Amino acid sequence: MIILLKLILAHFVGDFILQPKAWVADKEQFKAKSPKLYLHILLHGLLVLVFLWDWRYWLLALAVTIIHGLIDLTKLNAQTEATKPKWFLIDQGLHLVSLVLVASFWIQPQLGDFFSLIESKNSWVYVTAVTFLTAVSGIVIQVVLSTWASVLDDSNEESLHNAGRYIGILERLFVFTFVVTGNWEAIGFLLAAKSVFRFGDLKESKDRKLTEYILIGTLLSFGIAIATGMLVLTLVSNG
């Protein structure tokens, strides 16, 4: 289990934290001819070795590198501008399934116990969950909502740079914390507080599309955080 968690965390870091938008644009433009594609693939292999911290797993890292590259190439050649959201979800699903399959082929001699905390399964469960909630899920929601976002009218009103992103990160971390600590009633309070702040915007806009867009985004954000918290509780309780 701990190897799989480290592989998933390495994937989150490589695909969402250490992949600039310029790399994504370069890959989409040049596909197999993009040098950024191969740099991205190599980075995933290096991250696997860093997180596992054992050169005996070089073959596992190589397998992850090759499979990741094949999946990325398939997505880049198959997607169109209209199908990007669908292929984003297919791509991430295939990556996660491949990591499960690769990990299942490796019998786990325990890695060297440098620190019991570092090698604790629970520690990796929480680190992976927090990485997912902060760096990954925001991009997932953005991609899922991109179809609806394109039909929203442009507004001349100024907004804080990346404000929505950081609000979403804090929102999901709060919900996740409430779930793992058993404070379910606090989630209702958070949702009510957000509704109060949003009410003025929605009332002034009188825009049904904007209302539906905000509602879908809020429910997705809360749903992802609650599901992640419940999964973490299950993994920890079974550990």
C-alpha atoms as a PDB file:
ATOM      1  CA  MET A   1       0.000   0.000   0.000  1.00  0.00           C
ATOM      2  CA  ILE A   2       2.742   2.469   0.918  1.00  0.00           C
ATOM      3  CA  ILE A   3       4.469   2.026  -2.446  1.00  0.00           C
ATOM      4  CA  LEU A   4       1.209   2.720  -4.270  1.00  0.00           C
ATOM      5  CA  LEU A   5       0.621   5.850  -2.181  1.00  0.00           C
ATOM      6  CA  LYS A   6       4.120   7.116  -3.005  1.00  0.00           C
ATOM      7  CA  LEU A   7       3.563   6.437  -6.703  1.00  0.00           C
ATOM      8  CA  ILE A   8       0.286   8.368  -6.656  1.00  0.00           C
ATOM      9  CA  LEU A   9       1.876  11.264  -4.765  1.00  0.00           C
ATOM     10  CA  ALA A  10       4.774  11.348  -7.252  1.00  0.00           C
ATOM     11  CA  HIS A  11       2.207  11.465 -10.058  1.00  0.00           C
ATOM     12  CA  PHE A  12       0.337  14.376  -8.452  1.00  0.00           C
ATOM     13  CA  VAL A  13       3.584  16.326  -7.996  1.00  0.00           C
ATOM     14  CA  GLY A  14       4.794  15.635 -11.528  1.00  0.00           C
ATOM     15  CA  ASP A  15       1.515  16.293 -13.329  1.00  0.00           C
ATOM     16  CA  PHE A  16       0.103  19.198 -11.322  1.00  0.00           C
ATOM     17  CA  ILE A  17       2.822  20.938  -9.299  1.00  0.00           C
ATOM     18  CA  LEU A  18       5.992  20.665 -11.405  1.00  0.00           C
ATOM     19  CA  GLN A  19       4.412  20.954 -14.854  1.00  0.00           C
ATOM     20  CA  PRO A  20       4.222  24.609 -16.006  1.00  0.00           C
ATOM     21  CA  LYS A  21       1.454  25.702 -18.362  1.00  0.00           C
ATOM     22  CA  ALA A  22       4.123  26.435 -20.969  1.00  0.00           C
ATOM     23  CA  TRP A  23       5.005  22.729 -21.009  1.00  0.00           C
ATOM     24  CA  VAL A  24       1.369  21.772 -21.504  1.00  0.00           C
ATOM     25  CA  ALA A  25       1.016  24.230 -24.402  1.00  0.00           C
ATOM     26  CA  ASP A  26       4.237  22.973 -26.004  1.00  0.00           C
ATOM     27  CA  LYS A  27       3.102  19.340 -25.735  1.00  0.00           C
ATOM     28  CA  GLU A  28      -0.298  20.117 -27.248  1.00  0.00           C
ATOM     29  CA  GLN A  29       1.279  22.001 -30.150  1.00  0.00           C
ATOM     30  CA  PHE A  30       4.144  19.669 -31.063  1.00  0.00           C
ATOM     31  CA  LYS A  31       2.896  16.362 -29.550  1.00  0.00           C
ATOM     32  CA  ALA A  32       5.576  13.649 -30.012  1.00  0.00           C
ATOM     33  CA  LYS A  33       8.062  16.259 -31.286  1.00  0.00           C
ATOM     34  CA  SER A  34       7.825  18.319 -28.101  1.00  0.00           C
ATOM     35  CA  PRO A  35      11.005  18.244 -25.970  1.00  0.00           C
ATOM     36  CA  LYS A  36       8.859  19.287 -22.993  1.00  0.00           C
ATOM     37  CA  LEU A  37       6.937  16.009 -23.298  1.00  0.00           C
ATOM     38  CA  TYR A  38      10.080  13.926 -22.768  1.00  0.00           C
ATOM     39  CA  LEU A  39      11.294  16.207 -19.993  1.00  0.00           C
ATOM     40  CA  HIS A  40       7.913  15.772 -18.294  1.00  0.00           C
ATOM     41  CA  ILE A  41       8.054  11.983 -18.683  1.00  0.00           C
ATOM     42  CA  LEU A  42      11.619  11.816 -17.345  1.00  0.00           C
ATOM     43  CA  LEU A  43      10.589  13.953 -14.367  1.00  0.00           C
ATOM     44  CA  HIS A  44       7.960  11.381 -13.411  1.00  0.00           C
ATOM     45  CA  GLY A  45      10.556   8.614 -13.339  1.00  0.00           C
ATOM     46  CA  LEU A  46      12.902  10.703 -11.206  1.00  0.00           C
ATOM     47  CA  LEU A  47      10.084  11.568  -8.783  1.00  0.00           C
ATOM     48  CA  VAL A  48       9.292   7.873  -8.331  1.00  0.00           C
ATOM     49  CA  LEU A  49      12.917   7.200  -7.363  1.00  0.00           C
ATOM     50  CA  VAL A  50      12.965  10.210  -5.023  1.00  0.00           C
ATOM     51  CA  PHE A  51       9.776   9.197  -3.209  1.00  0.00           C
ATOM     52  CA  LEU A  52      10.718   5.505  -2.970  1.00  0.00           C
ATOM     53  CA  TRP A  53      14.336   6.456  -2.110  1.00  0.00           C
ATOM     54  CA  ASP A  54      15.742   3.098  -3.141  1.00  0.00           C
ATOM     55  CA  TRP A  55      17.695   2.421  -6.347  1.00  0.00           C
ATOM     56  CA  ARG A  56      16.438  -1.173  -6.317  1.00  0.00           C
ATOM     57  CA  TYR A  57      13.180   0.230  -7.681  1.00  0.00           C
ATOM     58  CA  TRP A  58      14.797   1.625 -10.847  1.00  0.00           C
ATOM     59  CA  LEU A  59      12.895  -0.889 -12.985  1.00  0.00           C
ATOM     60  CA  LEU A  60       9.604   0.173 -11.404  1.00  0.00           C
ATOM     61  CA  ALA A  61      10.493   3.818 -12.089  1.00  0.00           C
ATOM     62  CA  LEU A  62      11.341   2.946 -15.703  1.00  0.00           C
ATOM     63  CA  ALA A  63       7.990   1.162 -16.106  1.00  0.00           C
ATOM     64  CA  VAL A  64       6.118   4.175 -14.713  1.00  0.00           C
ATOM     65  CA  THR A  65       8.073   6.483 -17.038  1.00  0.00           C
ATOM     66  CA  ILE A  66       7.312   4.477 -20.190  1.00  0.00           C
ATOM     67  CA  ILE A  67       3.640   3.901 -19.364  1.00  0.00           C
ATOM     68  CA  HIS A  68       3.137   7.556 -18.456  1.00  0.00           C
ATOM     69  CA  GLY A  69       4.651   8.599 -21.767  1.00  0.00           C
ATOM     70  CA  LEU A  70       2.425   6.245 -23.772  1.00  0.00           C
ATOM     71  CA  ILE A  71      -0.713   7.492 -22.012  1.00  0.00           C
ATOM     72  CA  ASP A  72       0.260  11.141 -22.549  1.00  0.00           C
ATOM     73  CA  LEU A  73       0.973  10.539 -26.236  1.00  0.00           C
ATOM     74  CA  THR A  74      -2.384   8.817 -26.663  1.00  0.00           C
ATOM     75  CA  LYS A  75      -4.199  11.775 -25.106  1.00  0.00           C
ATOM     76  CA  LEU A  76      -2.264  14.378 -27.093  1.00  0.00           C
ATOM     77  CA  ASN A  77      -3.057  12.679 -30.405  1.00  0.00           C
ATOM     78  CA  ALA A  78      -6.668  11.820 -29.612  1.00  0.00           C
ATOM     79  CA  GLN A  79      -7.973  14.991 -27.998  1.00  0.00           C
ATOM     80  CA  THR A  80      -9.452  17.982 -29.781  1.00  0.00           C
ATOM     81  CA  GLU A  81     -10.277  21.416 -28.418  1.00  0.00           C
ATOM     82  CA  ALA A  82     -13.841  20.281 -27.752  1.00  0.00           C
ATOM     83  CA  THR A  83     -12.878  16.977 -26.098  1.00  0.00           C
ATOM     84  CA  LYS A  84     -10.090  18.262 -23.827  1.00  0.00           C
ATOM     85  CA  PRO A  85     -12.132  17.940 -20.587  1.00  0.00           C
ATOM     86  CA  LYS A  86     -13.131  14.366 -21.457  1.00  0.00           C
ATOM     87  CA  TRP A  87      -9.583  13.345 -22.370  1.00  0.00           C
ATOM     88  CA  PHE A  88      -8.180  15.016 -19.262  1.00  0.00           C
ATOM     89  CA  LEU A  89     -10.337  12.735 -17.090  1.00  0.00           C
ATOM     90  CA  ILE A  90      -9.541   9.666 -19.230  1.00  0.00           C
ATOM     91  CA  ASP A  91      -5.824  10.485 -19.049  1.00  0.00           C
ATOM     92  CA  GLN A  92      -5.815  10.821 -15.256  1.00  0.00           C
ATOM     93  CA  GLY A  93      -7.909   7.673 -14.851  1.00  0.00           C
ATOM     94  CA  LEU A  94      -5.487   5.661 -16.998  1.00  0.00           C
ATOM     95  CA  HIS A  95      -2.498   7.011 -15.060  1.00  0.00           C
ATOM     96  CA  LEU A  96      -4.008   5.969 -11.708  1.00  0.00           C
ATOM     97  CA  VAL A  97      -5.019   2.527 -13.009  1.00  0.00           C
ATOM     98  CA  SER A  98      -1.524   1.993 -14.430  1.00  0.00           C
ATOM     99  CA  LEU A  99       0.056   2.904 -11.083  1.00  0.00           C
ATOM    100  CA  VAL A 100      -2.154   0.373  -9.307  1.00  0.00           C
ATOM    101  CA  LEU A 101      -1.173  -2.322 -11.821  1.00  0.00           C
ATOM    102  CA  VAL A 102       2.537  -1.495 -11.693  1.00  0.00           C
ATOM    103  CA  ALA A 103       2.569  -1.471  -7.885  1.00  0.00           C
ATOM    104  CA  SER A 104       0.757  -4.814  -7.792  1.00  0.00           C
ATOM    105  CA  PHE A 105       3.624  -6.433  -9.734  1.00  0.00           C
ATOM    106  CA  TRP A 106       6.206  -5.405  -7.142  1.00  0.00           C
ATOM    107  CA  ILE A 107       6.332  -7.399  -3.909  1.00  0.00           C
ATOM    108  CA  GLN A 108       7.131  -4.967  -1.180  1.00  0.00           C
ATOM    109  CA  PRO A 109      10.296  -5.661   0.684  1.00  0.00           C
ATOM    110  CA  GLN A 110      10.042  -2.747   3.121  1.00  0.00           C
ATOM    111  CA  LEU A 111      12.201   0.197   2.293  1.00  0.00           C
ATOM    112  CA  GLY A 112      14.937   1.044   4.737  1.00  0.00           C
ATOM    113  CA  ASP A 113      13.442   2.307   7.983  1.00  0.00           C
ATOM    114  CA  PHE A 114      15.269   5.585   8.341  1.00  0.00           C
ATOM    115  CA  PHE A 115      12.430   7.130  10.285  1.00  0.00           C
ATOM    116  CA  SER A 116       9.326   5.271  11.374  1.00  0.00           C
ATOM    117  CA  LEU A 117       7.193   8.345  10.742  1.00  0.00           C
ATOM    118  CA  ILE A 118       8.368   8.716   7.153  1.00  0.00           C
ATOM    119  CA  GLU A 119       7.589   5.065   6.463  1.00  0.00           C
ATOM    120  CA  SER A 120       4.231   5.159   8.238  1.00  0.00           C
ATOM    121  CA  LYS A 121       1.358   4.384   5.889  1.00  0.00           C
ATOM    122  CA  ASN A 122      -0.839   6.949   7.635  1.00  0.00           C
ATOM    123  CA  SER A 123       1.702   9.709   6.970  1.00  0.00           C
ATOM    124  CA  TRP A 124       1.678   8.989   3.250  1.00  0.00           C
ATOM    125  CA  VAL A 125      -2.120   8.787   3.242  1.00  0.00           C
ATOM    126  CA  TYR A 126      -2.376  12.301   4.666  1.00  0.00           C
ATOM    127  CA  VAL A 127       0.412  13.766   2.496  1.00  0.00           C
ATOM    128  CA  THR A 128      -1.171  12.326  -0.652  1.00  0.00           C
ATOM    129  CA  ALA A 129      -4.633  13.558   0.366  1.00  0.00           C
ATOM    130  CA  VAL A 130      -3.434  17.104   1.099  1.00  0.00           C
ATOM    131  CA  THR A 131      -1.493  17.211  -2.190  1.00  0.00           C
ATOM    132  CA  PHE A 132      -4.607  16.090  -4.031  1.00  0.00           C
ATOM    133  CA  LEU A 133      -6.812  18.698  -2.341  1.00  0.00           C
ATOM    134  CA  THR A 134      -4.397  21.609  -2.839  1.00  0.00           C
ATOM    135  CA  ALA A 135      -2.724  21.057  -6.201  1.00  0.00           C
ATOM    136  CA  VAL A 136      -4.770  18.475  -8.083  1.00  0.00           C
ATOM    137  CA  SER A 137      -8.484  18.861  -7.405  1.00  0.00           C
ATOM    138  CA  GLY A 138      -8.548  22.568  -8.275  1.00  0.00           C
ATOM    139  CA  ILE A 139      -7.245  21.781 -11.770  1.00  0.00           C
ATOM    140  CA  VAL A 140      -9.682  18.868 -12.065  1.00  0.00           C
ATOM    141  CA  ILE A 141     -12.618  21.155 -11.225  1.00  0.00           C
ATOM    142  CA  GLN A 142     -11.311  23.843 -13.593  1.00  0.00           C
ATOM    143  CA  VAL A 143     -11.116  21.361 -16.471  1.00  0.00           C
ATOM    144  CA  VAL A 144     -14.521  19.850 -15.701  1.00  0.00           C
ATOM    145  CA  LEU A 145     -16.119  23.333 -15.613  1.00  0.00           C
ATOM    146  CA  SER A 146     -14.256  24.672 -18.666  1.00  0.00           C
ATOM    147  CA  THR A 147     -17.166  23.896 -20.979  1.00  0.00           C
ATOM    148  CA  TRP A 148     -19.530  26.014 -18.886  1.00  0.00           C
ATOM    149  CA  ALA A 149     -16.931  28.717 -18.181  1.00  0.00           C
ATOM    150  CA  SER A 150     -16.571  29.446 -21.892  1.00  0.00           C
ATOM    151  CA  VAL A 151     -20.193  30.642 -22.130  1.00  0.00           C
ATOM    152  CA  LEU A 152     -20.001  33.088 -19.244  1.00  0.00           C
ATOM    153  CA  ASP A 153     -20.111  36.743 -20.256  1.00  0.00           C
ATOM    154  CA  ASP A 154     -16.918  38.711 -19.805  1.00  0.00           C
ATOM    155  CA  SER A 155     -16.972  41.097 -16.860  1.00  0.00           C
ATOM    156  CA  ASN A 156     -15.112  44.372 -16.472  1.00  0.00           C
ATOM    157  CA  GLU A 157     -14.959  44.017 -12.704  1.00  0.00           C
ATOM    158  CA  GLU A 158     -11.506  43.485 -11.263  1.00  0.00           C
ATOM    159  CA  SER A 159     -10.756  40.455  -9.117  1.00  0.00           C
ATOM    160  CA  LEU A 160      -7.814  39.414  -6.968  1.00  0.00           C
ATOM    161  CA  HIS A 161      -5.228  37.400  -8.883  1.00  0.00           C
ATOM    162  CA  ASN A 162      -5.795  33.660  -8.312  1.00  0.00           C
ATOM    163  CA  ALA A 163      -8.333  34.452  -5.574  1.00  0.00           C
ATOM    164  CA  GLY A 164     -10.710  31.711  -6.688  1.00  0.00           C
ATOM    165  CA  ARG A 165      -7.921  29.133  -6.687  1.00  0.00           C
ATOM    166  CA  TYR A 166      -6.848  29.872  -3.133  1.00  0.00           C
ATOM    167  CA  ILE A 167     -10.442  30.062  -1.887  1.00  0.00           C
ATOM    168  CA  GLY A 168     -11.018  26.600  -3.343  1.00  0.00           C
ATOM    169  CA  ILE A 169      -7.839  25.207  -1.754  1.00  0.00           C
ATOM    170  CA  LEU A 170      -8.748  26.554   1.695  1.00  0.00           C
ATOM    171  CA  GLU A 171     -12.335  25.415   1.297  1.00  0.00           C
ATOM    172  CA  ARG A 172     -11.343  21.811   0.507  1.00  0.00           C
ATOM    173  CA  LEU A 173      -8.729  21.718   3.276  1.00  0.00           C
ATOM    174  CA  PHE A 174     -11.325  22.932   5.790  1.00  0.00           C
ATOM    175  CA  VAL A 175     -13.854  20.314   4.677  1.00  0.00           C
ATOM    176  CA  PHE A 176     -11.179  17.590   4.712  1.00  0.00           C
ATOM    177  CA  THR A 177     -10.138  18.578   8.245  1.00  0.00           C
ATOM    178  CA  PHE A 178     -13.754  18.592   9.429  1.00  0.00           C
ATOM    179  CA  VAL A 179     -14.338  15.103   7.970  1.00  0.00           C
ATOM    180  CA  VAL A 180     -11.231  13.451   9.459  1.00  0.00           C
ATOM    181  CA  THR A 181     -11.881  15.055  12.854  1.00  0.00           C
ATOM    182  CA  GLY A 182     -15.550  14.050  12.833  1.00  0.00           C
ATOM    183  CA  ASN A 183     -16.918  17.627  12.868  1.00  0.00           C
ATOM    184  CA  TRP A 184     -19.521  17.151  10.154  1.00  0.00           C
ATOM    185  CA  GLU A 185     -21.699  20.008  11.448  1.00  0.00           C
ATOM    186  CA  ALA A 186     -18.884  22.466  10.673  1.00  0.00           C
ATOM    187  CA  ILE A 187     -19.211  21.600   6.951  1.00  0.00           C
ATOM    188  CA  GLY A 188     -22.796  22.873   7.034  1.00  0.00           C
ATOM    189  CA  PHE A 189     -21.607  26.065   8.714  1.00  0.00           C
ATOM    190  CA  LEU A 190     -18.917  26.560   6.045  1.00  0.00           C
ATOM    191  CA  LEU A 191     -21.406  26.003   3.239  1.00  0.00           C
ATOM    192  CA  ALA A 192     -23.858  28.464   4.813  1.00  0.00           C
ATOM    193  CA  ALA A 193     -21.117  31.077   5.249  1.00  0.00           C
ATOM    194  CA  LYS A 194     -20.064  30.752   1.613  1.00  0.00           C
ATOM    195  CA  SER A 195     -23.701  31.049   0.508  1.00  0.00           C
ATOM    196  CA  VAL A 196     -24.050  34.332   2.408  1.00  0.00           C
ATOM    197  CA  PHE A 197     -20.973  35.805   0.718  1.00  0.00           C
ATOM    198  CA  ARG A 198     -22.078  34.608  -2.714  1.00  0.00           C
ATOM    199  CA  PHE A 199     -25.692  35.761  -2.355  1.00  0.00           C
ATOM    200  CA  GLY A 200     -24.889  39.397  -3.176  1.00  0.00           C
ATOM    201  CA  ASP A 201     -22.959  38.481  -6.328  1.00  0.00           C
ATOM    202  CA  LEU A 202     -25.702  36.189  -7.568  1.00  0.00           C
ATOM    203  CA  LYS A 203     -28.440  38.694  -6.744  1.00  0.00           C
ATOM    204  CA  GLU A 204     -26.679  41.477  -8.630  1.00  0.00           C
ATOM    205  CA  SER A 205     -25.769  39.358 -11.618  1.00  0.00           C
ATOM    206  CA  LYS A 206     -29.277  37.958 -12.181  1.00  0.00           C
ATOM    207  CA  ASP A 207     -27.510  35.457 -14.393  1.00  0.00           C
ATOM    208  CA  ARG A 208     -28.802  31.908 -14.247  1.00  0.00           C
ATOM    209  CA  LYS A 209     -25.725  30.529 -15.998  1.00  0.00           C
ATOM    210  CA  LEU A 210     -23.402  32.131 -13.441  1.00  0.00           C
ATOM    211  CA  THR A 211     -25.549  30.816 -10.591  1.00  0.00           C
ATOM    212  CA  GLU A 212     -25.456  27.281 -11.989  1.00  0.00           C
ATOM    213  CA  TYR A 213     -21.704  27.533 -12.646  1.00  0.00           C
ATOM    214  CA  ILE A 214     -20.961  28.599  -9.048  1.00  0.00           C
ATOM    215  CA  LEU A 215     -23.308  25.955  -7.641  1.00  0.00           C
ATOM    216  CA  ILE A 216     -21.719  23.134  -9.664  1.00  0.00           C
ATOM    217  CA  GLY A 217     -18.215  24.280  -8.700  1.00  0.00           C
ATOM    218  CA  THR A 218     -19.112  24.497  -4.995  1.00  0.00           C
ATOM    219  CA  LEU A 219     -20.756  21.062  -4.937  1.00  0.00           C
ATOM    220  CA  LEU A 220     -17.827  19.514  -6.819  1.00  0.00           C
ATOM    221  CA  SER A 221     -15.330  21.095  -4.430  1.00  0.00           C
ATOM    222  CA  PHE A 222     -17.212  19.978  -1.315  1.00  0.00           C
ATOM    223  CA  GLY A 223     -17.894  16.527  -2.767  1.00  0.00           C
ATOM    224  CA  ILE A 224     -14.244  15.903  -3.614  1.00  0.00           C
ATOM    225  CA  ALA A 225     -13.092  17.037  -0.162  1.00  0.00           C
ATOM    226  CA  ILE A 226     -15.692  14.904   1.671  1.00  0.00           C
ATOM    227  CA  ALA A 227     -14.931  11.815  -0.442  1.00  0.00           C
ATOM    228  CA  THR A 228     -11.180  12.285   0.119  1.00  0.00           C
ATOM    229  CA  GLY A 229     -11.667  12.664   3.871  1.00  0.00           C
ATOM    230  CA  MET A 230     -13.832   9.527   4.086  1.00  0.00           C
ATOM    231  CA  LEU A 231     -11.291   7.559   2.008  1.00  0.00           C
ATOM    232  CA  VAL A 232      -8.461   8.688   4.299  1.00  0.00           C
ATOM    233  CA  LEU A 233     -10.449   7.663   7.378  1.00  0.00           C
ATOM    234  CA  THR A 234     -11.072   4.237   5.838  1.00  0.00           C
ATOM    235  CA  LEU A 235      -7.398   3.723   4.933  1.00  0.00           C
ATOM    236  CA  VAL A 236      -6.181   4.869   8.344  1.00  0.00           C
ATOM    237  CA  SER A 237      -8.712   2.753  10.270  1.00  0.00           C
ATOM    238  CA  ASN A 238      -7.744  -0.326   8.243  1.00  0.00           C
ATOM    239  CA  GLY A 239      -4.030   0.290   8.823  1.00  0.00           C
END
